[in-house]
Amino acid sequence: MAHATVGAYTTRCHHVHGHSYKFELFLRSDAPNDAQMVSDFKAVKDSGINDFFDSFDHAVMLWDKDVRASIIAQINPDRHILVPFNPTAEMMSKSFFQVCTAILETGPKLSGEKDAHVARVIVHETDTGYAVFDESDQAADKFAPPAFETWTISAGIRAAWARSDWYDRAVAALRAGRKA
C-alpha cells in the first residue's frame, strides 16, 4: 500500500510512497467454541475482516486534507481510500482495531464463537517499524477518531469484496457506539 504522511519528521514521508504492510489481528475469548478455538481462522476471514484488510492491498491511502486528495482518482483510479486522519501506522492500528471490532461484533458467529473480541491490532509498516493498538489503549486514547463512516473507499476496492454486508453493519455499529 502507498500513503503519504503530511508533516512527518522525515521529509521522504511527505510524498506518496509505499510499504509492504503486514496487519496482525489478535482475538481473545475465555470461552472456546465447540472445536476448542476462539474462532476458526477461516470464519474470521469470512466475517468481512479479510475483505476489509484486502482493501489496502495495492491501494493508495491519503488523508482527506492532503492536497493530493482531490486528484486521488488520477493517482490510483481503482484502488484508493481517503480517511479523515493522517494515515500513520498508529492511526491505522487504532482504526483497524475499531473496524474489526465492529465487524466481529455484528457479523455471524460462523464457527460458534463465544465472547470472541479483538484484543490487539498491529500494523507493520516495515520489518522493524510498527504500531500497536490494543484493548488497554482505549481508555486513555487521545488520537483522532477514525470516523469510518466518512472514509471514501473506491468502487474498485468495493467491487473486489467477496461480501459487502460487513461494511453497512460496521458503519452502523460504529455510529451507534460514538453516540453512546
N, C-alpha and C. Protein backbone atom coordinates (compact mmCIF):
# COMPACT_ATOMS: atom_id res chain seq x y z
N MET A 1 0.84 -1.16 0.00
CA MET A 1 0.00 0.00 0.00
C MET A 1 0.89 1.24 0.00
N ALA A 2 0.39 2.28 -0.61
CA ALA A 2 1.09 3.56 -0.60
C ALA A 2 0.31 4.54 0.27
N HIS A 3 1.03 5.49 0.83
CA HIS A 3 0.42 6.55 1.62
C HIS A 3 1.35 7.75 1.61
N ALA A 4 0.93 8.81 2.22
CA ALA A 4 1.78 9.98 2.45
C ALA A 4 1.50 10.44 3.87
N THR A 5 2.54 10.84 4.57
CA THR A 5 2.38 11.27 5.95
C THR A 5 2.70 12.76 6.03
N VAL A 6 1.67 13.55 5.97
CA VAL A 6 1.80 15.01 5.99
C VAL A 6 2.41 15.44 7.32
N GLY A 7 3.46 16.27 7.25
CA GLY A 7 4.06 16.83 8.46
C GLY A 7 5.01 15.91 9.20
N ALA A 8 5.38 14.78 8.62
CA ALA A 8 6.29 13.85 9.29
C ALA A 8 7.68 14.45 9.44
N TYR A 9 8.41 13.98 10.42
CA TYR A 9 9.79 14.42 10.65
C TYR A 9 10.65 14.12 9.42
N THR A 10 10.50 12.93 8.87
CA THR A 10 11.26 12.54 7.69
C THR A 10 10.57 13.08 6.46
N THR A 11 11.23 13.96 5.73
CA THR A 11 10.58 14.59 4.58
C THR A 11 10.26 13.58 3.47
N ARG A 12 10.95 12.46 3.42
CA ARG A 12 10.61 11.42 2.43
C ARG A 12 9.17 10.96 2.62
N CYS A 13 8.70 11.00 3.83
CA CYS A 13 7.35 10.52 4.14
C CYS A 13 6.26 11.49 3.68
N HIS A 14 6.62 12.71 3.36
CA HIS A 14 5.63 13.71 2.92
C HIS A 14 5.06 13.36 1.55
N HIS A 15 5.81 12.62 0.76
CA HIS A 15 5.41 12.29 -0.60
C HIS A 15 4.75 10.91 -0.63
N VAL A 16 3.99 10.65 -1.66
CA VAL A 16 3.36 9.34 -1.80
C VAL A 16 4.47 8.30 -1.97
N HIS A 17 4.43 7.30 -1.12
CA HIS A 17 5.42 6.24 -1.13
C HIS A 17 4.77 4.97 -0.61
N GLY A 18 5.38 3.84 -0.84
CA GLY A 18 4.77 2.57 -0.46
C GLY A 18 5.56 1.78 0.56
N HIS A 19 4.86 0.84 1.17
CA HIS A 19 5.44 -0.09 2.13
C HIS A 19 4.83 -1.47 1.88
N SER A 20 5.49 -2.49 2.36
CA SER A 20 4.92 -3.83 2.35
C SER A 20 4.30 -4.06 3.73
N TYR A 21 3.12 -3.50 3.90
CA TYR A 21 2.44 -3.59 5.18
C TYR A 21 2.10 -5.03 5.54
N LYS A 22 2.05 -5.28 6.82
CA LYS A 22 1.54 -6.54 7.36
C LYS A 22 0.62 -6.17 8.51
N PHE A 23 -0.56 -6.75 8.51
CA PHE A 23 -1.54 -6.48 9.56
C PHE A 23 -1.71 -7.74 10.40
N GLU A 24 -1.66 -7.58 11.72
CA GLU A 24 -1.90 -8.69 12.63
C GLU A 24 -3.13 -8.38 13.47
N LEU A 25 -4.02 -9.35 13.55
CA LEU A 25 -5.25 -9.23 14.32
C LEU A 25 -5.22 -10.31 15.39
N PHE A 26 -5.41 -9.90 16.64
CA PHE A 26 -5.41 -10.83 17.76
C PHE A 26 -6.81 -10.85 18.37
N LEU A 27 -7.38 -12.03 18.47
CA LEU A 27 -8.69 -12.20 19.11
C LEU A 27 -8.50 -12.83 20.48
N ARG A 28 -9.46 -12.60 21.35
CA ARG A 28 -9.40 -13.16 22.70
C ARG A 28 -10.80 -13.63 23.10
N SER A 29 -10.82 -14.69 23.87
CA SER A 29 -12.05 -15.18 24.48
C SER A 29 -11.67 -16.11 25.62
N ASP A 30 -12.47 -16.10 26.66
CA ASP A 30 -12.26 -17.05 27.76
C ASP A 30 -13.10 -18.30 27.55
N ALA A 31 -13.99 -18.26 26.57
CA ALA A 31 -14.88 -19.40 26.31
C ALA A 31 -14.63 -19.93 24.90
N PRO A 32 -14.08 -21.13 24.78
CA PRO A 32 -13.81 -21.68 23.45
C PRO A 32 -15.10 -22.12 22.74
N ASN A 33 -15.00 -22.17 21.40
CA ASN A 33 -16.12 -22.74 20.65
C ASN A 33 -16.06 -24.26 20.75
N ASP A 34 -16.93 -24.94 20.05
CA ASP A 34 -17.00 -26.42 20.16
C ASP A 34 -15.73 -27.11 19.69
N ALA A 35 -14.92 -26.42 18.88
CA ALA A 35 -13.67 -27.02 18.39
C ALA A 35 -12.47 -26.61 19.26
N GLN A 36 -12.76 -26.02 20.43
CA GLN A 36 -11.72 -25.56 21.37
C GLN A 36 -10.86 -24.44 20.78
N MET A 37 -11.51 -23.56 20.03
CA MET A 37 -10.85 -22.39 19.44
C MET A 37 -11.56 -21.12 19.90
N VAL A 38 -10.87 -20.01 19.81
CA VAL A 38 -11.54 -18.72 19.97
C VAL A 38 -12.46 -18.53 18.76
N SER A 39 -11.90 -18.77 17.58
CA SER A 39 -12.64 -18.74 16.32
C SER A 39 -11.80 -19.46 15.28
N ASP A 40 -12.43 -20.06 14.32
CA ASP A 40 -11.71 -20.65 13.20
C ASP A 40 -11.15 -19.50 12.35
N PHE A 41 -9.90 -19.61 11.93
CA PHE A 41 -9.29 -18.54 11.14
C PHE A 41 -10.10 -18.23 9.89
N LYS A 42 -10.62 -19.25 9.25
CA LYS A 42 -11.42 -19.04 8.03
C LYS A 42 -12.70 -18.28 8.36
N ALA A 43 -13.30 -18.56 9.49
CA ALA A 43 -14.52 -17.84 9.89
C ALA A 43 -14.24 -16.36 10.11
N VAL A 44 -13.09 -16.06 10.69
CA VAL A 44 -12.71 -14.66 10.90
C VAL A 44 -12.59 -13.96 9.55
N LYS A 45 -11.90 -14.61 8.61
CA LYS A 45 -11.75 -14.02 7.28
C LYS A 45 -13.10 -13.85 6.60
N ASP A 46 -13.96 -14.86 6.69
CA ASP A 46 -15.27 -14.83 6.02
C ASP A 46 -16.25 -13.84 6.65
N SER A 47 -15.95 -13.37 7.84
CA SER A 47 -16.85 -12.42 8.51
C SER A 47 -16.86 -11.05 7.83
N GLY A 48 -15.87 -10.79 6.99
CA GLY A 48 -15.70 -9.50 6.35
C GLY A 48 -14.34 -8.90 6.65
N ILE A 49 -13.66 -9.44 7.64
CA ILE A 49 -12.35 -8.91 8.02
C ILE A 49 -11.34 -9.09 6.88
N ASN A 50 -11.40 -10.20 6.16
CA ASN A 50 -10.50 -10.38 5.03
C ASN A 50 -10.76 -9.34 3.95
N ASP A 51 -12.04 -9.07 3.65
CA ASP A 51 -12.37 -8.03 2.67
C ASP A 51 -11.84 -6.68 3.13
N PHE A 52 -12.01 -6.37 4.41
CA PHE A 52 -11.52 -5.10 4.95
C PHE A 52 -10.01 -5.00 4.77
N PHE A 53 -9.24 -5.99 5.23
CA PHE A 53 -7.79 -5.93 5.12
C PHE A 53 -7.32 -5.93 3.66
N ASP A 54 -8.00 -6.69 2.82
CA ASP A 54 -7.63 -6.74 1.40
C ASP A 54 -7.85 -5.39 0.71
N SER A 55 -8.70 -4.56 1.27
CA SER A 55 -8.96 -3.24 0.69
C SER A 55 -7.70 -2.40 0.56
N PHE A 56 -6.69 -2.68 1.35
CA PHE A 56 -5.48 -1.88 1.37
C PHE A 56 -4.39 -2.41 0.43
N ASP A 57 -4.58 -3.61 -0.10
CA ASP A 57 -3.59 -4.20 -1.00
C ASP A 57 -3.52 -3.41 -2.30
N HIS A 58 -2.34 -2.93 -2.64
CA HIS A 58 -2.11 -2.14 -3.86
C HIS A 58 -2.99 -0.90 -3.93
N ALA A 59 -3.33 -0.35 -2.80
CA ALA A 59 -4.15 0.86 -2.74
C ALA A 59 -3.28 2.05 -2.33
N VAL A 60 -3.84 3.24 -2.54
CA VAL A 60 -3.23 4.47 -2.03
C VAL A 60 -4.18 5.01 -0.98
N MET A 61 -3.64 5.29 0.21
CA MET A 61 -4.43 5.82 1.32
C MET A 61 -3.91 7.22 1.64
N LEU A 62 -4.82 8.20 1.57
CA LEU A 62 -4.44 9.58 1.85
C LEU A 62 -5.40 10.20 2.85
N TRP A 63 -4.90 11.16 3.59
CA TRP A 63 -5.69 12.00 4.48
C TRP A 63 -6.57 12.88 3.60
N ASP A 64 -7.83 13.00 3.93
CA ASP A 64 -8.72 13.81 3.09
C ASP A 64 -8.35 15.29 3.08
N LYS A 65 -7.45 15.72 3.98
CA LYS A 65 -6.95 17.10 3.99
C LYS A 65 -5.67 17.26 3.17
N ASP A 66 -5.11 16.17 2.71
CA ASP A 66 -3.90 16.20 1.89
C ASP A 66 -4.23 16.90 0.56
N VAL A 67 -3.32 17.74 0.07
CA VAL A 67 -3.57 18.48 -1.17
C VAL A 67 -3.77 17.54 -2.36
N ARG A 68 -3.28 16.30 -2.27
CA ARG A 68 -3.44 15.33 -3.36
C ARG A 68 -4.78 14.61 -3.32
N ALA A 69 -5.56 14.80 -2.25
CA ALA A 69 -6.84 14.10 -2.12
C ALA A 69 -7.77 14.38 -3.30
N SER A 70 -7.75 15.60 -3.81
CA SER A 70 -8.65 15.95 -4.91
C SER A 70 -8.30 15.26 -6.22
N ILE A 71 -7.06 14.74 -6.32
CA ILE A 71 -6.67 14.05 -7.56
C ILE A 71 -6.39 12.56 -7.33
N ILE A 72 -6.87 12.03 -6.21
CA ILE A 72 -6.60 10.62 -5.88
C ILE A 72 -7.07 9.68 -6.98
N ALA A 73 -8.17 9.99 -7.64
CA ALA A 73 -8.68 9.13 -8.71
C ALA A 73 -7.74 9.11 -9.91
N GLN A 74 -6.89 10.12 -10.04
CA GLN A 74 -5.89 10.13 -11.11
C GLN A 74 -4.63 9.39 -10.67
N ILE A 75 -4.34 9.42 -9.39
CA ILE A 75 -3.16 8.74 -8.86
C ILE A 75 -3.35 7.23 -8.93
N ASN A 76 -4.49 6.76 -8.46
CA ASN A 76 -4.81 5.33 -8.48
C ASN A 76 -6.33 5.21 -8.64
N PRO A 77 -6.83 5.18 -9.86
CA PRO A 77 -8.28 5.25 -10.10
C PRO A 77 -9.08 4.12 -9.46
N ASP A 78 -8.52 2.91 -9.44
CA ASP A 78 -9.30 1.76 -8.98
C ASP A 78 -9.17 1.46 -7.49
N ARG A 79 -8.05 1.81 -6.90
CA ARG A 79 -7.80 1.38 -5.52
C ARG A 79 -7.26 2.54 -4.69
N HIS A 80 -8.19 3.29 -4.11
CA HIS A 80 -7.79 4.38 -3.23
C HIS A 80 -8.77 4.51 -2.07
N ILE A 81 -8.23 5.05 -0.98
CA ILE A 81 -9.00 5.25 0.25
C ILE A 81 -8.62 6.62 0.80
N LEU A 82 -9.63 7.44 1.05
CA LEU A 82 -9.42 8.73 1.72
C LEU A 82 -9.97 8.62 3.13
N VAL A 83 -9.18 9.07 4.09
CA VAL A 83 -9.56 8.95 5.50
C VAL A 83 -9.45 10.31 6.18
N PRO A 84 -10.18 10.51 7.30
CA PRO A 84 -10.17 11.80 7.98
C PRO A 84 -9.03 11.95 9.00
N PHE A 85 -7.90 11.32 8.72
CA PHE A 85 -6.75 11.39 9.62
C PHE A 85 -5.48 11.15 8.79
N ASN A 86 -4.36 11.54 9.33
CA ASN A 86 -3.09 11.29 8.68
C ASN A 86 -2.85 9.77 8.74
N PRO A 87 -2.63 9.10 7.60
CA PRO A 87 -2.55 7.64 7.60
C PRO A 87 -1.21 7.09 8.10
N THR A 88 -0.98 7.28 9.37
CA THR A 88 0.20 6.74 10.04
C THR A 88 -0.10 5.32 10.51
N ALA A 89 0.94 4.58 10.83
CA ALA A 89 0.73 3.23 11.35
C ALA A 89 -0.07 3.28 12.66
N GLU A 90 0.16 4.34 13.46
CA GLU A 90 -0.58 4.48 14.73
C GLU A 90 -2.08 4.63 14.47
N MET A 91 -2.42 5.50 13.54
CA MET A 91 -3.84 5.73 13.26
C MET A 91 -4.47 4.52 12.55
N MET A 92 -3.69 3.85 11.71
CA MET A 92 -4.23 2.65 11.07
C MET A 92 -4.49 1.57 12.11
N SER A 93 -3.57 1.38 13.07
CA SER A 93 -3.80 0.32 14.06
C SER A 93 -5.04 0.63 14.90
N LYS A 94 -5.23 1.90 15.26
CA LYS A 94 -6.44 2.28 16.02
C LYS A 94 -7.68 2.05 15.16
N SER A 95 -7.64 2.51 13.93
CA SER A 95 -8.79 2.36 13.03
C SER A 95 -9.13 0.90 12.79
N PHE A 96 -8.10 0.12 12.50
CA PHE A 96 -8.33 -1.30 12.21
C PHE A 96 -8.89 -2.01 13.44
N PHE A 97 -8.42 -1.64 14.63
CA PHE A 97 -8.96 -2.21 15.86
C PHE A 97 -10.46 -1.94 15.94
N GLN A 98 -10.85 -0.68 15.73
CA GLN A 98 -12.27 -0.32 15.85
C GLN A 98 -13.12 -0.96 14.75
N VAL A 99 -12.64 -0.94 13.52
CA VAL A 99 -13.43 -1.51 12.42
C VAL A 99 -13.54 -3.02 12.58
N CYS A 100 -12.45 -3.70 12.88
CA CYS A 100 -12.51 -5.16 13.06
C CYS A 100 -13.39 -5.54 14.25
N THR A 101 -13.36 -4.74 15.31
CA THR A 101 -14.26 -4.97 16.44
C THR A 101 -15.71 -4.90 15.98
N ALA A 102 -16.05 -3.88 15.21
CA ALA A 102 -17.42 -3.73 14.72
C ALA A 102 -17.81 -4.87 13.79
N ILE A 103 -16.90 -5.29 12.92
CA ILE A 103 -17.21 -6.41 12.01
C ILE A 103 -17.45 -7.68 12.81
N LEU A 104 -16.58 -7.95 13.76
CA LEU A 104 -16.69 -9.18 14.55
C LEU A 104 -17.94 -9.18 15.42
N GLU A 105 -18.24 -8.04 16.04
CA GLU A 105 -19.40 -7.96 16.94
C GLU A 105 -20.73 -8.06 16.19
N THR A 106 -20.78 -7.57 14.98
CA THR A 106 -22.06 -7.52 14.26
C THR A 106 -22.23 -8.63 13.25
N GLY A 107 -21.18 -9.39 12.99
CA GLY A 107 -21.25 -10.44 11.99
C GLY A 107 -21.75 -11.75 12.55
N PRO A 108 -22.01 -12.68 11.65
CA PRO A 108 -22.46 -14.01 12.08
C PRO A 108 -21.34 -14.75 12.81
N LYS A 109 -21.72 -15.55 13.76
CA LYS A 109 -20.76 -16.37 14.51
C LYS A 109 -20.57 -17.66 13.70
N LEU A 110 -19.72 -17.60 12.69
CA LEU A 110 -19.59 -18.67 11.71
C LEU A 110 -19.00 -19.96 12.28
N SER A 111 -18.20 -19.87 13.33
CA SER A 111 -17.63 -21.09 13.91
C SER A 111 -18.02 -21.24 15.38
N GLY A 112 -19.15 -20.65 15.73
CA GLY A 112 -19.65 -20.79 17.10
C GLY A 112 -18.86 -20.02 18.13
N GLU A 113 -18.32 -18.87 17.74
CA GLU A 113 -17.55 -18.06 18.66
C GLU A 113 -18.39 -17.68 19.87
N LYS A 114 -17.71 -17.65 21.02
CA LYS A 114 -18.37 -17.26 22.27
C LYS A 114 -17.53 -16.16 22.90
N ASP A 115 -18.06 -14.97 22.96
CA ASP A 115 -17.37 -13.85 23.58
C ASP A 115 -16.03 -13.52 22.92
N ALA A 116 -15.86 -13.87 21.65
CA ALA A 116 -14.62 -13.52 20.95
C ALA A 116 -14.62 -12.02 20.68
N HIS A 117 -13.50 -11.40 20.95
CA HIS A 117 -13.38 -9.97 20.70
C HIS A 117 -11.95 -9.63 20.26
N VAL A 118 -11.81 -8.48 19.64
CA VAL A 118 -10.50 -8.04 19.19
C VAL A 118 -9.71 -7.57 20.42
N ALA A 119 -8.55 -8.14 20.59
CA ALA A 119 -7.69 -7.79 21.72
C ALA A 119 -6.58 -6.83 21.31
N ARG A 120 -6.12 -6.96 20.07
CA ARG A 120 -4.98 -6.15 19.63
C ARG A 120 -4.90 -6.17 18.11
N VAL A 121 -4.41 -5.07 17.57
CA VAL A 121 -4.07 -4.98 16.15
C VAL A 121 -2.67 -4.39 16.05
N ILE A 122 -1.84 -5.03 15.23
CA ILE A 122 -0.51 -4.50 14.95
C ILE A 122 -0.44 -4.19 13.46
N VAL A 123 0.00 -2.99 13.14
CA VAL A 123 0.23 -2.60 11.75
C VAL A 123 1.73 -2.45 11.57
N HIS A 124 2.31 -3.37 10.79
CA HIS A 124 3.74 -3.32 10.47
C HIS A 124 3.89 -2.52 9.18
N GLU A 125 4.59 -1.40 9.28
CA GLU A 125 4.89 -0.62 8.08
C GLU A 125 6.14 -1.18 7.42
N THR A 126 7.07 -1.62 8.23
CA THR A 126 8.30 -2.28 7.78
C THR A 126 8.57 -3.44 8.73
N ASP A 127 9.65 -4.14 8.50
CA ASP A 127 10.01 -5.24 9.41
C ASP A 127 10.32 -4.74 10.81
N THR A 128 10.82 -3.52 10.92
CA THR A 128 11.23 -3.01 12.24
C THR A 128 10.37 -1.86 12.75
N GLY A 129 9.45 -1.36 11.93
CA GLY A 129 8.60 -0.25 12.35
C GLY A 129 7.14 -0.65 12.33
N TYR A 130 6.51 -0.55 13.49
CA TYR A 130 5.11 -0.95 13.59
C TYR A 130 4.42 -0.18 14.70
N ALA A 131 3.10 -0.23 14.68
CA ALA A 131 2.30 0.40 15.74
C ALA A 131 1.29 -0.62 16.24
N VAL A 132 0.99 -0.53 17.53
CA VAL A 132 0.08 -1.46 18.19
C VAL A 132 -1.06 -0.68 18.82
N PHE A 133 -2.26 -1.19 18.68
CA PHE A 133 -3.40 -0.66 19.43
C PHE A 133 -4.09 -1.87 20.03
N ASP A 134 -4.27 -1.85 21.35
CA ASP A 134 -4.98 -2.98 21.97
C ASP A 134 -6.04 -2.48 22.94
N GLU A 135 -6.75 -3.43 23.51
CA GLU A 135 -7.91 -3.08 24.34
C GLU A 135 -7.54 -2.18 25.52
N SER A 136 -6.31 -2.26 26.00
CA SER A 136 -5.90 -1.40 27.12
C SER A 136 -5.67 0.05 26.68
N ASP A 137 -5.54 0.31 25.39
CA ASP A 137 -5.31 1.67 24.89
C ASP A 137 -6.58 2.50 24.80
N GLN A 138 -7.73 1.87 24.84
CA GLN A 138 -8.98 2.58 24.59
C GLN A 138 -9.29 3.66 25.62
N ALA A 139 -9.03 3.40 26.88
CA ALA A 139 -9.42 4.34 27.94
C ALA A 139 -8.68 5.67 27.87
N ALA A 140 -7.38 5.64 27.61
CA ALA A 140 -6.58 6.86 27.63
C ALA A 140 -6.28 7.43 26.24
N ASP A 141 -6.82 6.83 25.20
CA ASP A 141 -6.53 7.22 23.83
C ASP A 141 -6.91 8.68 23.54
N LYS A 142 -5.98 9.42 22.98
CA LYS A 142 -6.22 10.83 22.63
C LYS A 142 -6.01 11.09 21.14
N PHE A 143 -5.84 10.01 20.36
CA PHE A 143 -5.68 10.15 18.91
C PHE A 143 -7.04 10.48 18.27
N ALA A 144 -7.00 11.01 17.09
CA ALA A 144 -8.22 11.40 16.37
C ALA A 144 -9.14 10.19 16.16
N PRO A 145 -10.45 10.43 16.16
CA PRO A 145 -11.36 9.31 15.88
C PRO A 145 -11.26 8.91 14.41
N PRO A 146 -11.28 7.62 14.11
CA PRO A 146 -11.16 7.17 12.73
C PRO A 146 -12.38 7.50 11.85
N ALA A 147 -13.55 7.68 12.44
CA ALA A 147 -14.77 8.05 11.70
C ALA A 147 -14.92 7.24 10.41
N PHE A 148 -14.96 5.93 10.55
CA PHE A 148 -15.01 5.00 9.41
C PHE A 148 -16.14 5.34 8.43
N GLU A 149 -17.25 5.81 8.94
CA GLU A 149 -18.39 6.10 8.07
C GLU A 149 -18.11 7.24 7.09
N THR A 150 -17.04 8.00 7.30
CA THR A 150 -16.70 9.10 6.40
C THR A 150 -15.61 8.73 5.39
N TRP A 151 -15.06 7.53 5.49
CA TRP A 151 -13.99 7.13 4.58
C TRP A 151 -14.53 7.06 3.15
N THR A 152 -13.73 7.45 2.20
CA THR A 152 -14.04 7.24 0.79
C THR A 152 -13.26 6.02 0.34
N ILE A 153 -13.99 4.97 -0.01
CA ILE A 153 -13.37 3.73 -0.47
C ILE A 153 -13.77 3.56 -1.93
N SER A 154 -12.80 3.48 -2.81
CA SER A 154 -13.06 3.48 -4.25
C SER A 154 -13.94 2.30 -4.68
N ALA A 155 -14.62 2.51 -5.79
CA ALA A 155 -15.50 1.48 -6.35
C ALA A 155 -14.72 0.21 -6.70
N GLY A 156 -13.48 0.37 -7.15
CA GLY A 156 -12.66 -0.79 -7.49
C GLY A 156 -12.39 -1.68 -6.29
N ILE A 157 -12.17 -1.07 -5.14
CA ILE A 157 -11.96 -1.84 -3.91
C ILE A 157 -13.26 -2.53 -3.51
N ARG A 158 -14.34 -1.78 -3.50
CA ARG A 158 -15.64 -2.34 -3.09
C ARG A 158 -16.07 -3.50 -3.99
N ALA A 159 -15.75 -3.40 -5.28
CA ALA A 159 -16.13 -4.46 -6.22
C ALA A 159 -15.39 -5.77 -5.93
N ALA A 160 -14.24 -5.67 -5.31
CA ALA A 160 -13.45 -6.87 -5.02
C ALA A 160 -13.88 -7.59 -3.74
N TRP A 161 -14.75 -6.95 -2.94
CA TRP A 161 -15.19 -7.60 -1.70
C TRP A 161 -16.01 -8.84 -2.01
N ALA A 162 -15.71 -9.93 -1.34
CA ALA A 162 -16.48 -11.17 -1.52
C ALA A 162 -17.90 -11.00 -1.02
N ARG A 163 -18.05 -10.23 0.04
CA ARG A 163 -19.37 -9.90 0.58
C ARG A 163 -19.29 -8.47 1.10
N SER A 164 -20.36 -7.72 0.94
CA SER A 164 -20.29 -6.32 1.35
C SER A 164 -21.16 -6.00 2.56
N ASP A 165 -21.88 -6.97 3.07
CA ASP A 165 -22.78 -6.70 4.21
C ASP A 165 -22.01 -6.28 5.46
N TRP A 166 -20.77 -6.68 5.59
CA TRP A 166 -19.96 -6.30 6.76
C TRP A 166 -19.82 -4.79 6.85
N TYR A 167 -19.71 -4.12 5.72
CA TYR A 167 -19.47 -2.68 5.71
C TYR A 167 -20.63 -1.92 6.36
N ASP A 168 -21.84 -2.19 5.93
CA ASP A 168 -23.01 -1.48 6.49
C ASP A 168 -23.19 -1.80 7.98
N ARG A 169 -22.95 -3.06 8.36
CA ARG A 169 -23.05 -3.43 9.78
C ARG A 169 -22.01 -2.69 10.62
N ALA A 170 -20.78 -2.64 10.11
CA ALA A 170 -19.70 -1.98 10.85
C ALA A 170 -19.97 -0.48 10.99
N VAL A 171 -20.40 0.15 9.90
CA VAL A 171 -20.69 1.58 9.96
C VAL A 171 -21.81 1.86 10.96
N ALA A 172 -22.87 1.07 10.94
CA ALA A 172 -23.98 1.26 11.89
C ALA A 172 -23.51 1.08 13.33
N ALA A 173 -22.70 0.06 13.58
CA ALA A 173 -22.22 -0.19 14.94
C ALA A 173 -21.31 0.93 15.42
N LEU A 174 -20.45 1.42 14.55
CA LEU A 174 -19.54 2.49 14.96
C LEU A 174 -20.29 3.79 15.18
N ARG A 175 -21.29 4.07 14.37
CA ARG A 175 -22.12 5.27 14.60
C ARG A 175 -22.84 5.16 15.93
N ALA A 176 -23.43 4.01 16.20
CA ALA A 176 -24.17 3.81 17.45
C ALA A 176 -23.24 3.94 18.65
N GLY A 177 -22.04 3.39 18.55
CA GLY A 177 -21.08 3.45 19.64
C GLY A 177 -20.58 4.84 19.92
N ARG A 178 -20.46 5.66 18.89
CA ARG A 178 -19.97 7.02 19.05
C ARG A 178 -21.00 7.89 19.73
N LYS A 179 -22.28 7.59 19.54
CA LYS A 179 -23.35 8.39 20.14
C LYS A 179 -23.61 7.98 21.57
N ALA A 180 -23.20 6.77 21.92
CA ALA A 180 -23.47 6.26 23.28
C ALA A 180 -22.62 6.94 24.31
